[in-house]
Each structure stands twice: as structure tokens, then as C-alpha cells.
């Protein structure tokens, strides 16, 4: 689960010109409720879910996702050359 404060996520979406969709136009309270729902699922099913802090850079989030996949699968995969 890529987790981020809804206000920050909406600001990121707004910064991408021409990408606003119906989902981004919904009230921030809706986004808080959706986030709470996903975090609840993660707490209830820790064997199925990993919560990743998505507020960092693309590279940092990518590294966290790769680390979580490696841990879950018992692998040591790398990203390779960019």
C-alpha cells in the first residue's frame, strides 16, 4: 500500500498539468476515508500488506517497494542501471 497524506497526494496530482480526473476532484475527506480504509486493511492483514511511505522521491519509494518485495519473496533483486 503506497501511503501518503491525502493533501500531499492531491497537491502532487494538481502539479501534473492536464492529469486531473474525477477521483482527484473529490473532497479531501473522501481521500482521508479511503486512506484510513487501506491502513485498516494493512493492520488486519499484515501477511498480505506492506505499507510504504510514498511521500518521498520516486527513487526512495521505488527502493522501499523493491526492499519489501525482496523481503516477502526472500530474494535480493536489484534495480539495475537506470
C-alpha atoms as a PDB file:
ATOM      1  CA  UNK A   1       0.000   0.000   0.000  1.00  0.00           C
ATOM      2  CA  UNK A   2       1.577   3.281  -1.100  1.00  0.00           C
ATOM      3  CA  UNK A   3       0.659   5.636   1.739  1.00  0.00           C
ATOM      4  CA  UNK A   4       0.713   9.413   1.677  1.00  0.00           C
ATOM      5  CA  UNK A   5      -1.173  12.221   3.355  1.00  0.00           C
ATOM      6  CA  UNK A   6      -4.144  12.927   1.072  1.00  0.00           C
ATOM      7  CA  UNK A   7      -3.434  16.667   0.905  1.00  0.00           C
ATOM      8  CA  UNK A   8       0.107  15.970  -0.288  1.00  0.00           C
ATOM      9  CA  UNK A   9      -1.123  13.439  -2.830  1.00  0.00           C
ATOM     10  CA  UNK A  10      -3.721  15.836  -4.183  1.00  0.00           C
ATOM     11  CA  UNK A  11      -1.084  18.581  -4.429  1.00  0.00           C
ATOM     12  CA  UNK A  12       1.159  16.236  -6.408  1.00  0.00           C
ATOM     13  CA  UNK A  13      -1.704  15.353  -8.721  1.00  0.00           C
ATOM     14  CA  UNK A  14      -2.550  19.030  -9.232  1.00  0.00           C
ATOM     15  CA  UNK A  15       1.074  19.754 -10.148  1.00  0.00           C
ATOM     16  CA  UNK A  16       0.828  17.347 -13.094  1.00  0.00           C
ATOM     17  CA  UNK A  17      -0.795  19.534 -15.730  1.00  0.00           C
ATOM     18  CA  UNK A  18      -3.722  18.003 -17.538  1.00  0.00           C
ATOM     19  CA  UNK A  19      -3.989  14.916 -15.335  1.00  0.00           C
ATOM     20  CA  UNK A  20      -6.907  15.798 -13.054  1.00  0.00           C
ATOM     21  CA  UNK A  21      -9.613  13.193 -13.122  1.00  0.00           C
ATOM     22  CA  UNK A  22     -12.862  12.691 -11.256  1.00  0.00           C
ATOM     23  CA  UNK A  23     -11.077  10.959  -8.374  1.00  0.00           C
ATOM     24  CA  UNK A  24      -8.841  13.972  -7.704  1.00  0.00           C
ATOM     25  CA  UNK A  25     -11.839  16.301  -7.739  1.00  0.00           C
ATOM     26  CA  UNK A  26     -13.481  14.555  -4.765  1.00  0.00           C
ATOM     27  CA  UNK A  27     -13.378  16.201  -1.325  1.00  0.00           C
ATOM     28  CA  UNK A  28     -10.271  15.651   0.797  1.00  0.00           C
ATOM     29  CA  UNK A  29     -12.440  13.977   3.459  1.00  0.00           C
ATOM     30  CA  UNK A  30     -13.177  11.217   0.943  1.00  0.00           C
ATOM     31  CA  UNK A  31      -9.438  10.682   0.426  1.00  0.00           C
ATOM     32  CA  UNK A  32      -8.851  10.562   4.196  1.00  0.00           C
ATOM     33  CA  UNK A  33     -11.556   7.883   4.498  1.00  0.00           C
ATOM     34  CA  UNK A  34     -10.044   5.829   1.660  1.00  0.00           C
ATOM     35  CA  UNK A  35      -6.595   6.089   3.256  1.00  0.00           C
ATOM     36  CA  UNK A  36      -8.000   5.014   6.636  1.00  0.00           C
ATOM     37  CA  UNK A  37      -9.665   2.042   4.958  1.00  0.00           C
ATOM     38  CA  UNK A  38      -6.458   0.871   3.312  1.00  0.00           C
ATOM     39  CA  UNK A  39      -4.457   1.320   6.530  1.00  0.00           C
ATOM     40  CA  UNK A  40      -7.104  -0.691   8.379  1.00  0.00           C
ATOM     41  CA  UNK A  41      -6.748  -3.487   5.824  1.00  0.00           C
ATOM     42  CA  UNK A  42      -2.962  -3.398   6.290  1.00  0.00           C
ATOM     43  CA  UNK A  43      -3.323  -3.698  10.085  1.00  0.00           C
ATOM     44  CA  UNK A  44      -5.801  -6.552   9.760  1.00  0.00           C
ATOM     45  CA  UNK A  45      -3.747  -8.446   7.152  1.00  0.00           C
ATOM     46  CA  UNK A  46      -0.039  -7.839   7.823  1.00  0.00           C
ATOM     47  CA  UNK A  47       0.936 -11.014   5.959  1.00  0.00           C
ATOM     48  CA  UNK A  48      -0.738  -9.641   2.806  1.00  0.00           C
ATOM     49  CA  UNK A  49       0.059  -5.934   3.008  1.00  0.00           C
ATOM     50  CA  UNK A  50       3.118  -3.749   3.323  1.00  0.00           C
ATOM     51  CA  UNK A  51       2.652  -0.040   3.931  1.00  0.00           C
ATOM     52  CA  UNK A  52       5.196   2.054   2.018  1.00  0.00           C
ATOM     53  CA  UNK A  53       5.712   5.746   2.761  1.00  0.00           C
ATOM     54  CA  UNK A  54       5.031   7.295  -0.650  1.00  0.00           C
ATOM     55  CA  UNK A  55       5.822  10.860   0.395  1.00  0.00           C
ATOM     56  CA  UNK A  56       9.470  10.606  -0.632  1.00  0.00           C
ATOM     57  CA  UNK A  57      11.123  10.843  -4.005  1.00  0.00           C
ATOM     58  CA  UNK A  58      10.340   8.387  -6.772  1.00  0.00           C
ATOM     59  CA  UNK A  59      13.727   6.763  -6.189  1.00  0.00           C
ATOM     60  CA  UNK A  60      13.138   6.369  -2.441  1.00  0.00           C
ATOM     61  CA  UNK A  61       9.661   4.886  -2.924  1.00  0.00           C
ATOM     62  CA  UNK A  62      10.988   2.564  -5.611  1.00  0.00           C
ATOM     63  CA  UNK A  63      13.747   1.369  -3.257  1.00  0.00           C
ATOM     64  CA  UNK A  64      11.213   0.728  -0.481  1.00  0.00           C
ATOM     65  CA  UNK A  65       8.965  -1.261  -2.815  1.00  0.00           C
ATOM     66  CA  UNK A  66      11.902  -3.340  -4.034  1.00  0.00           C
ATOM     67  CA  UNK A  67      13.045  -3.981  -0.450  1.00  0.00           C
ATOM     68  CA  UNK A  68       9.526  -5.110   0.527  1.00  0.00           C
ATOM     69  CA  UNK A  69       9.292  -7.437  -2.479  1.00  0.00           C
ATOM     70  CA  UNK A  70      12.744  -8.854  -1.756  1.00  0.00           C
ATOM     71  CA  UNK A  71      11.830  -9.439   1.882  1.00  0.00           C
ATOM     72  CA  UNK A  72       8.487 -11.076   1.094  1.00  0.00           C
ATOM     73  CA  UNK A  73       9.948 -13.323  -1.595  1.00  0.00           C
ATOM     74  CA  UNK A  74      13.302 -13.972   0.085  1.00  0.00           C
ATOM     75  CA  UNK A  75      15.164 -12.551  -2.898  1.00  0.00           C
ATOM     76  CA  UNK A  76      17.847  -9.977  -3.496  1.00  0.00           C
ATOM     77  CA  UNK A  77      16.715  -8.302  -6.681  1.00  0.00           C
ATOM     78  CA  UNK A  78      18.316  -5.067  -7.801  1.00  0.00           C
ATOM     79  CA  UNK A  79      17.053  -2.286  -9.968  1.00  0.00           C
ATOM     80  CA  UNK A  80      19.886  -2.448 -12.450  1.00  0.00           C
ATOM     81  CA  UNK A  81      21.136   0.526 -14.451  1.00  0.00           C
ATOM     82  CA  UNK A  82      18.707   3.386 -14.811  1.00  0.00           C
END
